[in-house]
Amino acid sequence: MIHITDKYACCGCGGCVQKCPQHCISLLEDEEGFLYPSVDAATCVGCGLCEKVCPVLHQDAVREPLSVHAAVSPDEEVRLSSSSGGLFTELASVVIRRGGVVFGARFNSSWDVVHDYTESLSGLSDFRGSKYLQSRTGDSYRQAETFLRQGREVLFTGTPCQIAGLRHFLGKEYTNLLTLDFICHGVPSPGVFRRYLSDEVSRLSSSARKGAGKNSVLLRPIPSVPVADVNSGRWRIDDIRFRDKEKGWKKYSFVLVLSQAPAAGEKNTVSFSYSQTLDRNAFMRGFLRDLYLRPSCHKCPAKGLSGGSDITLGDYWGIQSLMPEIDDDRGVSAVLTGTAAGRALLSSTKARLYSAPYDDVKLKNPALVKSAAEPAGRAAFFKEDGRAFHDKIDRLCRISMKQRAKSFLVTSVIRFLGNGGKERLKRLVRR
């Protein structure tokens, strides 16, 4: 029987729930907004299958990739709507065209992130783009297993621990299964994000008369609306983009699109878009400080490609200095193949591929091999002290004078040295 006494020892993949033959395990949300398994002891038969599929209890060995590439999709529309170089769509399209099924994470009608599948090229758009939340796997492992037993090719995408959970759930190798994970920094709390959205919409509506504020960019004007209208459901969220590239790939933005349903006697729906760069958006600031990652993310069981995916995707940070000839600030993917099947799938795409050193990817993506350190402010964030979400983030993510001075010094030196000196400085820092 699975029994969680240490929350660092559960990654929330949901494999135990889906494997239980008695259906006696359910996922319950804790006070931090994360899901954990709860067993109905009265119906449990003690078969132990829930423990056998747990990727935390059964961790695999660290691996080296077979090949590493910088890559971009030739489809500019796909690339601009993707987090980095658009390689997910390129890989998934091959599987769809071969009659296969693709699993990925999308928003549902309540703006929760859930795992789902598609059998069409048009359905891939819901899976594109980063979603900085832990997804609910639901019945996706069972659904994938059904397709595999039918002989259908399946591409399953998810976090490294979700891929590890799927592999342990299946308990055998399928030649028609392909897996795709990404370089995962950690998964933020869905409960915290719901709190952020509520606070943000209320804050926007209540401050509308005062203007948007100096730290934001409005793509459309905010109408003056009382908070009561938000709470009554007249307002609806039309779109959420965690990594909008309007300002470029390196300085991506969080975009929230809202609309107000017409009241009696009104004809037109009022809508607006609200955009903030990652250093200004409250949710992204807290995420990048690791304030509300799942506890297991600080002791991740699937680092170093140990999740066992055929392909791993990530951002190719530092491409502007490593391969400036392919950098146009629209996003470049780092692609690491873990198996011969993954390498074959990559070679079947129309993506532009450039061989790259593994060390360069690890240098700019430390989350590939290291778990996120637990910040000192995490407990303070979750402590109920009556502060609004934005107030907590401002207090816990305040930049110290020492950090400001260091940033100013580095920036000044780089400007003084110029472009050539900038690269020399970077090489010295690496040493």
Protein backbone atom coordinates (compact mmCIF):
# COMPACT_ATOMS: atom_id res chain seq x y z
CA MET A 1 0.00 0.00 0.00
CA ILE A 2 1.33 3.40 -0.97
CA HIS A 3 1.51 5.67 2.05
CA ILE A 4 3.05 9.13 1.76
CA THR A 5 4.69 10.25 4.99
CA ASP A 6 7.37 12.38 3.32
CA LYS A 7 6.11 14.76 0.63
CA TYR A 8 9.60 14.93 -0.87
CA ALA A 9 9.07 11.26 -1.80
CA CYS A 10 6.09 11.75 -4.15
CA CYS A 11 6.40 13.40 -7.55
CA GLY A 12 2.63 13.32 -8.24
CA CYS A 13 2.83 11.34 -11.49
CA GLY A 14 -0.42 9.52 -10.67
CA GLY A 15 0.91 6.11 -11.74
CA CYS A 16 -0.22 4.48 -8.50
CA VAL A 17 -3.79 5.74 -8.98
CA GLN A 18 -3.99 4.44 -12.53
CA LYS A 19 -2.42 1.07 -11.72
CA CYS A 20 -4.59 0.15 -8.73
CA PRO A 21 -6.90 -2.76 -9.74
CA GLN A 22 -9.32 -1.92 -6.90
CA HIS A 23 -9.55 1.77 -7.79
CA CYS A 24 -9.06 2.55 -4.13
CA ILE A 25 -6.48 5.34 -4.55
CA SER A 26 -7.46 8.92 -5.18
CA LEU A 27 -5.48 12.14 -5.45
CA LEU A 28 -6.21 14.84 -2.88
CA GLU A 29 -4.93 18.41 -2.94
CA ASP A 30 -2.90 19.49 0.08
CA GLU A 31 -2.65 22.95 1.63
CA GLU A 32 0.09 23.93 -0.88
CA GLY A 33 -2.06 23.05 -3.90
CA PHE A 34 -0.33 19.77 -4.87
CA LEU A 35 -1.98 16.37 -5.36
CA TYR A 36 -1.00 13.36 -3.25
CA PRO A 37 -2.39 9.79 -3.25
CA SER A 38 -4.82 8.72 -0.56
CA VAL A 39 -5.69 5.03 -0.13
CA ASP A 40 -9.03 3.63 1.02
CA ALA A 41 -7.66 0.96 3.34
CA ALA A 42 -11.03 -0.78 3.52
CA THR A 43 -10.93 -1.77 -0.17
CA CYS A 44 -7.16 -2.19 -0.59
CA VAL A 45 -6.12 -5.83 -1.15
CA GLY A 46 -2.42 -5.26 -0.55
CA CYS A 47 -1.29 -6.28 -4.05
CA GLY A 48 1.61 -3.82 -3.96
CA LEU A 49 1.22 -2.71 -7.57
CA CYS A 50 1.06 0.94 -6.50
CA GLU A 51 4.54 0.67 -5.01
CA LYS A 52 5.95 -1.22 -8.00
CA VAL A 53 5.14 1.63 -10.40
CA CYS A 54 6.43 4.47 -8.24
CA PRO A 55 9.36 6.27 -9.98
CA VAL A 56 10.60 7.61 -6.64
CA LEU A 57 10.87 4.14 -5.10
CA HIS A 58 12.44 2.72 -8.29
CA GLN A 59 14.88 5.25 -9.71
CA ASP A 60 16.86 4.53 -12.86
CA ALA A 61 20.49 5.24 -13.62
CA VAL A 62 21.85 8.50 -15.03
CA ARG A 63 22.51 8.32 -18.78
CA GLU A 64 24.50 10.11 -21.46
CA PRO A 65 22.69 11.23 -24.63
CA LEU A 66 23.37 9.52 -27.95
CA SER A 67 23.35 12.85 -29.78
CA VAL A 68 22.88 16.54 -29.01
CA HIS A 69 21.64 19.20 -31.42
CA ALA A 70 20.58 22.80 -31.63
CA ALA A 71 17.42 22.77 -33.73
CA VAL A 72 14.67 24.97 -35.14
CA SER A 73 11.45 24.26 -36.98
CA PRO A 74 11.31 25.56 -40.57
CA ASP A 75 7.70 26.61 -39.90
CA GLU A 76 7.97 30.15 -38.50
CA GLU A 77 4.36 30.22 -37.29
CA VAL A 78 4.90 27.05 -35.27
CA ARG A 79 8.19 28.33 -33.96
CA LEU A 80 6.75 31.64 -32.75
CA SER A 81 3.89 29.88 -30.93
CA SER A 82 6.30 27.43 -29.25
CA SER A 83 8.51 27.91 -26.20
CA SER A 84 11.80 27.59 -28.06
CA GLY A 85 12.52 26.17 -31.51
CA GLY A 86 9.22 24.37 -32.19
CA LEU A 87 10.71 20.87 -32.14
CA PHE A 88 7.80 19.28 -30.26
CA THR A 89 5.48 20.00 -33.19
CA GLU A 90 8.02 18.71 -35.70
CA LEU A 91 8.42 15.42 -33.81
CA ALA A 92 4.72 15.01 -33.04
CA SER A 93 3.71 15.73 -36.63
CA VAL A 94 5.77 12.78 -37.85
CA VAL A 95 3.92 10.45 -35.47
CA ILE A 96 0.50 11.84 -36.41
CA ARG A 97 1.22 11.47 -40.14
CA ARG A 98 2.17 7.84 -39.51
CA GLY A 99 -1.25 7.23 -37.97
CA GLY A 100 -0.09 7.53 -34.36
CA VAL A 101 -1.35 9.21 -31.21
CA VAL A 102 0.33 12.06 -29.32
CA PHE A 103 -0.11 12.76 -25.60
CA GLY A 104 0.66 16.14 -24.11
CA ALA A 105 -0.38 18.76 -21.57
CA ARG A 106 -3.08 21.34 -22.30
CA PHE A 107 -5.35 23.75 -20.46
CA ASN A 108 -8.90 22.57 -19.74
CA SER A 109 -11.95 24.83 -19.52
CA SER A 110 -11.07 25.74 -15.92
CA TRP A 111 -7.47 26.63 -16.89
CA ASP A 112 -6.05 23.64 -15.07
CA VAL A 113 -3.26 21.81 -16.92
CA VAL A 114 -4.24 18.23 -17.80
CA HIS A 115 -2.81 15.43 -19.89
CA ASP A 116 -4.74 14.53 -23.02
CA TYR A 117 -4.14 13.02 -26.45
CA THR A 118 -4.74 13.97 -30.07
CA GLU A 119 -4.83 12.07 -33.33
CA SER A 120 -4.81 15.17 -35.56
CA LEU A 121 -2.24 17.76 -36.57
CA SER A 122 -4.60 20.57 -35.57
CA GLY A 123 -4.83 19.14 -32.05
CA LEU A 124 -1.10 19.69 -31.47
CA SER A 125 -1.60 23.43 -31.00
CA ASP A 126 -3.11 22.86 -27.54
CA PHE A 127 0.09 21.12 -26.43
CA ARG A 128 2.49 23.80 -27.68
CA GLY A 129 4.07 26.32 -25.36
CA SER A 130 5.33 26.07 -21.78
CA LYS A 131 2.82 25.59 -19.01
CA TYR A 132 4.56 26.29 -15.73
CA LEU A 133 2.22 24.13 -13.64
CA GLN A 134 2.11 20.48 -12.63
CA SER A 135 -0.28 18.71 -14.98
CA ARG A 136 -2.88 16.14 -13.95
CA THR A 137 -2.07 12.89 -15.74
CA GLY A 138 -5.62 11.58 -15.17
CA ASP A 139 -6.10 8.31 -17.09
CA SER A 140 -3.42 9.08 -19.69
CA TYR A 141 -1.18 6.11 -18.75
CA ARG A 142 -4.11 3.71 -19.15
CA GLN A 143 -5.14 5.36 -22.41
CA ALA A 144 -1.62 5.12 -23.80
CA GLU A 145 -1.45 1.45 -22.82
CA THR A 146 -4.71 0.76 -24.68
CA PHE A 147 -3.39 2.37 -27.87
CA LEU A 148 -0.11 0.48 -27.57
CA ARG A 149 -1.89 -2.86 -27.21
CA GLN A 150 -3.90 -1.99 -30.33
CA GLY A 151 -0.63 -1.63 -32.22
CA ARG A 152 -0.88 2.17 -32.56
CA GLU A 153 2.29 4.25 -32.41
CA VAL A 154 2.24 6.48 -29.33
CA LEU A 155 4.32 9.58 -28.55
CA PHE A 156 3.92 10.44 -24.87
CA THR A 157 5.25 13.80 -23.67
CA GLY A 158 5.62 15.01 -20.10
CA THR A 159 8.06 15.85 -17.33
CA PRO A 160 10.96 13.42 -16.74
CA CYS A 161 9.25 11.98 -13.64
CA GLN A 162 5.98 11.53 -15.57
CA ILE A 163 7.84 9.62 -18.27
CA ALA A 164 9.53 7.47 -15.61
CA GLY A 165 6.09 6.88 -14.07
CA LEU A 166 4.67 5.79 -17.44
CA ARG A 167 7.53 3.36 -18.06
CA HIS A 168 7.09 1.75 -14.64
CA PHE A 169 3.31 1.69 -15.11
CA LEU A 170 3.60 -0.21 -18.40
CA GLY A 171 6.09 -2.67 -16.91
CA LYS A 172 7.34 -3.77 -20.35
CA GLU A 173 8.95 -2.34 -23.45
CA TYR A 174 6.77 -1.43 -26.42
CA THR A 175 8.46 -0.95 -29.78
CA ASN A 176 5.58 1.35 -30.80
CA LEU A 177 6.11 3.71 -27.85
CA LEU A 178 8.13 6.91 -28.11
CA THR A 179 8.62 9.20 -25.13
CA LEU A 180 9.52 12.87 -25.01
CA ASP A 181 10.37 14.89 -21.91
CA PHE A 182 11.88 18.32 -21.36
CA ILE A 183 14.55 19.88 -19.21
CA CYS A 184 12.47 20.51 -16.12
CA HIS A 185 13.35 23.16 -13.56
CA GLY A 186 10.48 22.02 -11.36
CA VAL A 187 6.68 22.19 -11.32
CA PRO A 188 4.90 25.06 -9.54
CA SER A 189 1.74 24.55 -7.50
CA PRO A 190 -1.57 24.65 -9.44
CA GLY A 191 -3.22 25.92 -6.26
CA VAL A 192 -0.79 28.84 -6.06
CA PHE A 193 -1.48 29.69 -9.70
CA ARG A 194 -5.23 29.76 -9.08
CA ARG A 195 -4.58 32.15 -6.21
CA TYR A 196 -2.39 34.30 -8.45
CA LEU A 197 -5.06 34.47 -11.18
CA SER A 198 -7.74 35.49 -8.70
CA ASP A 199 -5.52 38.16 -7.22
CA GLU A 200 -4.36 39.40 -10.61
CA VAL A 201 -7.82 39.77 -12.14
CA SER A 202 -9.11 41.54 -9.04
CA ARG A 203 -6.05 43.77 -8.95
CA LEU A 204 -6.38 44.69 -12.63
CA SER A 205 -10.05 45.52 -12.35
CA SER A 206 -9.69 47.56 -9.16
CA SER A 207 -6.73 49.55 -10.50
CA ALA A 208 -8.17 50.17 -13.94
CA ARG A 209 -9.05 53.79 -13.17
CA LYS A 210 -5.43 54.43 -12.19
CA GLY A 211 -3.99 53.01 -15.40
CA ALA A 212 -1.98 49.91 -16.12
CA GLY A 213 1.07 50.77 -14.05
CA LYS A 214 4.65 51.33 -15.12
CA ASN A 215 5.67 47.67 -14.93
CA SER A 216 3.24 46.35 -17.53
CA VAL A 217 2.34 46.71 -21.15
CA LEU A 218 -1.31 46.67 -22.20
CA LEU A 219 -1.97 45.32 -25.63
CA ARG A 220 -5.57 46.56 -25.27
CA PRO A 221 -6.98 49.01 -22.73
CA ILE A 222 -8.34 47.82 -19.38
CA PRO A 223 -11.94 48.91 -18.84
CA SER A 224 -13.06 50.21 -15.46
CA VAL A 225 -14.82 47.27 -13.79
CA PRO A 226 -15.69 46.73 -10.13
CA VAL A 227 -14.27 43.66 -8.41
CA ALA A 228 -17.83 42.42 -7.84
CA ASP A 229 -18.19 41.79 -11.56
CA VAL A 230 -15.10 39.59 -11.53
CA ASN A 231 -16.42 37.57 -8.63
CA SER A 232 -19.83 37.23 -10.21
CA GLY A 233 -18.40 35.50 -13.23
CA ARG A 234 -18.86 38.26 -15.81
CA TRP A 235 -15.15 38.10 -16.46
CA ARG A 236 -13.61 35.12 -18.21
CA ILE A 237 -10.06 34.12 -19.09
CA ASP A 238 -9.66 33.63 -22.84
CA ASP A 239 -5.97 32.79 -23.04
CA ILE A 240 -2.86 32.33 -20.92
CA ARG A 241 0.62 32.35 -22.41
CA PHE A 242 3.53 31.81 -20.05
CA ARG A 243 6.17 32.50 -22.67
CA ASP A 244 4.97 34.93 -25.30
CA LYS A 245 7.72 35.93 -27.74
CA GLU A 246 6.41 39.31 -28.81
CA LYS A 247 9.43 40.93 -27.13
CA GLY A 248 11.73 38.12 -28.25
CA TRP A 249 12.69 34.66 -27.04
CA LYS A 250 15.30 35.83 -24.53
CA LYS A 251 12.94 38.28 -22.82
CA TYR A 252 9.68 36.41 -23.02
CA SER A 253 6.46 37.67 -21.46
CA PHE A 254 3.52 36.32 -19.50
CA VAL A 255 0.27 37.22 -21.26
CA LEU A 256 -3.22 37.09 -19.77
CA VAL A 257 -6.21 37.65 -22.08
CA LEU A 258 -9.53 38.48 -20.41
CA SER A 259 -13.00 39.32 -21.66
CA GLN A 260 -16.18 40.57 -20.03
CA ALA A 261 -19.49 39.06 -21.03
CA PRO A 262 -22.06 41.66 -22.14
CA ALA A 263 -24.54 42.72 -19.51
CA ALA A 264 -28.23 43.26 -20.20
CA GLY A 265 -28.63 45.85 -22.92
CA GLU A 266 -24.97 45.64 -24.03
CA LYS A 267 -24.03 44.34 -27.48
CA ASN A 268 -20.29 43.94 -27.47
CA THR A 269 -17.91 41.80 -25.44
CA VAL A 270 -15.13 43.81 -23.85
CA SER A 271 -11.68 42.18 -23.91
CA PHE A 272 -8.10 43.11 -23.16
CA SER A 273 -4.65 41.54 -23.06
CA TYR A 274 -2.18 42.11 -20.28
CA SER A 275 1.53 41.46 -20.85
CA GLN A 276 4.43 41.45 -18.41
CA THR A 277 8.04 40.37 -18.89
CA LEU A 278 9.24 37.53 -16.67
CA ASP A 279 11.09 39.88 -14.34
CA ARG A 280 7.91 41.89 -13.72
CA ASN A 281 5.23 39.22 -13.54
CA ALA A 282 4.54 38.16 -9.95
CA PHE A 283 3.91 34.48 -10.67
CA MET A 284 7.01 34.08 -12.83
CA ARG A 285 9.18 35.91 -10.29
CA GLY A 286 8.11 33.49 -7.57
CA PHE A 287 8.57 30.50 -9.86
CA LEU A 288 12.09 31.54 -10.87
CA ARG A 289 12.94 31.90 -7.16
CA ASP A 290 11.63 28.33 -6.59
CA LEU A 291 9.18 29.53 -3.94
CA TYR A 292 6.37 27.14 -4.76
CA LEU A 293 7.83 24.12 -6.52
CA ARG A 294 6.60 20.68 -5.54
CA PRO A 295 8.73 19.38 -2.62
CA SER A 296 9.95 16.40 -4.69
CA CYS A 297 11.40 18.84 -7.25
CA HIS A 298 14.08 19.65 -4.68
CA LYS A 299 15.00 15.94 -4.65
CA CYS A 300 14.05 15.04 -8.21
CA PRO A 301 14.16 11.29 -8.99
CA ALA A 302 14.65 11.78 -12.74
CA LYS A 303 17.67 14.03 -13.29
CA GLY A 304 20.50 13.26 -15.69
CA LEU A 305 18.18 11.77 -18.34
CA SER A 306 17.34 8.98 -15.89
CA GLY A 307 13.63 9.28 -16.71
CA GLY A 308 14.41 7.13 -19.74
CA SER A 309 12.91 9.30 -22.50
CA ASP A 310 13.75 8.70 -26.13
CA ILE A 311 14.14 12.46 -26.64
CA THR A 312 14.64 15.40 -24.28
CA LEU A 313 13.90 18.99 -25.33
CA GLY A 314 14.93 22.29 -23.81
CA ASP A 315 15.90 25.86 -24.59
CA TYR A 316 19.33 26.29 -26.11
CA TRP A 317 20.31 29.17 -23.86
CA GLY A 318 23.54 30.89 -24.80
CA ILE A 319 23.04 30.25 -28.50
CA GLN A 320 23.85 33.92 -29.23
CA SER A 321 27.47 33.33 -28.25
CA LEU A 322 27.83 29.63 -29.07
CA MET A 323 26.18 29.66 -32.52
CA PRO A 324 25.45 33.31 -33.34
CA GLU A 325 24.83 32.43 -36.99
CA ILE A 326 21.52 30.70 -36.14
CA ASP A 327 20.33 33.08 -33.41
CA ASP A 328 17.47 35.38 -34.47
CA ASP A 329 15.86 35.69 -31.00
CA ARG A 330 12.89 33.58 -32.07
CA GLY A 331 13.92 30.49 -30.10
CA VAL A 332 16.29 27.57 -30.56
CA SER A 333 15.72 24.10 -29.11
CA ALA A 334 18.29 21.88 -27.49
CA VAL A 335 17.51 18.30 -28.54
CA LEU A 336 19.05 15.30 -26.78
CA THR A 337 18.36 11.79 -28.04
CA GLY A 338 18.46 9.00 -25.48
CA THR A 339 17.76 5.99 -27.69
CA ALA A 340 18.16 4.83 -31.26
CA ALA A 341 14.38 5.16 -31.68
CA GLY A 342 14.57 8.79 -30.57
CA ARG A 343 17.40 9.52 -32.94
CA ALA A 344 15.45 7.94 -35.81
CA LEU A 345 12.37 10.04 -35.02
CA LEU A 346 14.45 13.23 -34.96
CA SER A 347 16.03 12.39 -38.32
CA SER A 348 12.52 11.94 -39.79
CA THR A 349 11.59 15.59 -39.14
CA LYS A 350 12.15 18.61 -41.37
CA ALA A 351 13.86 20.49 -38.54
CA ARG A 352 17.15 22.28 -39.15
CA LEU A 353 19.71 20.44 -37.01
CA TYR A 354 23.14 21.57 -35.82
CA SER A 355 25.41 19.23 -33.85
CA ALA A 356 26.28 20.59 -30.42
CA PRO A 357 28.37 19.62 -27.34
CA TYR A 358 26.52 18.15 -24.39
CA ASP A 359 28.58 20.28 -22.00
CA ASP A 360 27.24 23.49 -23.57
CA VAL A 361 23.66 22.39 -22.93
CA LYS A 362 24.40 21.36 -19.34
CA LEU A 363 26.21 24.65 -18.67
CA LYS A 364 23.18 26.76 -19.58
CA ASN A 365 20.58 24.25 -18.34
CA PRO A 366 21.78 23.08 -14.90
CA ALA A 367 18.27 21.71 -14.21
CA LEU A 368 19.17 18.90 -16.60
CA VAL A 369 21.39 17.30 -13.97
CA LYS A 370 20.65 19.12 -10.68
CA SER A 371 17.53 19.50 -8.56
CA ALA A 372 16.44 22.99 -7.65
CA ALA A 373 17.72 24.09 -4.24
CA GLU A 374 14.95 24.75 -1.74
CA PRO A 375 14.87 28.49 -1.01
CA ALA A 376 14.80 29.91 2.49
CA GLY A 377 11.62 31.83 1.67
CA ARG A 378 9.49 28.82 0.72
CA ALA A 379 8.02 28.25 4.17
CA ALA A 380 7.38 31.98 4.53
CA PHE A 381 5.45 32.04 1.26
CA PHE A 382 3.06 29.28 2.31
CA LYS A 383 2.60 30.68 5.81
CA GLU A 384 -0.80 32.33 6.06
CA ASP A 385 -0.13 35.90 7.13
CA GLY A 386 -2.99 37.76 5.44
CA ARG A 387 -0.75 39.24 2.74
CA ALA A 388 -1.93 39.40 -0.85
CA PHE A 389 -0.08 37.29 -3.42
CA HIS A 390 1.73 40.23 -4.99
CA ASP A 391 2.78 41.60 -1.60
CA LYS A 392 4.35 38.27 -0.65
CA ILE A 393 6.26 38.07 -3.93
CA ASP A 394 7.52 41.66 -3.60
CA ARG A 395 8.74 40.93 -0.08
CA LEU A 396 10.36 37.55 -0.78
CA CYS A 397 11.82 38.36 -4.21
CA ARG A 398 13.28 41.73 -3.34
CA ILE A 399 16.70 42.23 -4.89
CA SER A 400 19.34 43.03 -2.29
CA MET A 401 21.75 45.95 -2.58
CA LYS A 402 24.60 43.45 -2.97
CA GLN A 403 22.85 41.81 -5.93
CA ARG A 404 22.09 45.20 -7.48
CA ALA A 405 25.72 46.28 -7.14
CA LYS A 406 26.99 43.02 -8.66
CA SER A 407 24.60 43.30 -11.60
CA PHE A 408 25.58 46.92 -12.20
CA LEU A 409 29.29 46.08 -12.08
CA VAL A 410 28.99 43.16 -14.53
CA THR A 411 26.85 45.19 -16.93
CA SER A 412 29.26 48.13 -16.81
CA VAL A 413 32.28 45.91 -17.50
CA ILE A 414 30.57 44.22 -20.44
CA ARG A 415 29.57 47.56 -21.96
CA PHE A 416 33.12 48.83 -21.54
CA LEU A 417 34.69 45.77 -23.15
CA GLY A 418 32.33 45.64 -26.11
CA ASN A 419 31.23 42.54 -28.02
CA GLY A 420 34.65 40.91 -28.32
CA GLY A 421 35.47 41.57 -24.69
CA LYS A 422 32.08 40.23 -23.70
CA GLU A 423 32.93 36.80 -25.09
CA ARG A 424 36.39 36.85 -23.47
CA LEU A 425 34.78 37.68 -20.12
CA LYS A 426 32.34 34.81 -20.48
CA ARG A 427 35.18 32.38 -21.18
CA LEU A 428 37.05 33.60 -18.11
CA VAL A 429 33.94 33.17 -15.94
CA ARG A 430 33.47 29.59 -17.20
CA ARG A 431 36.98 28.71 -16.03
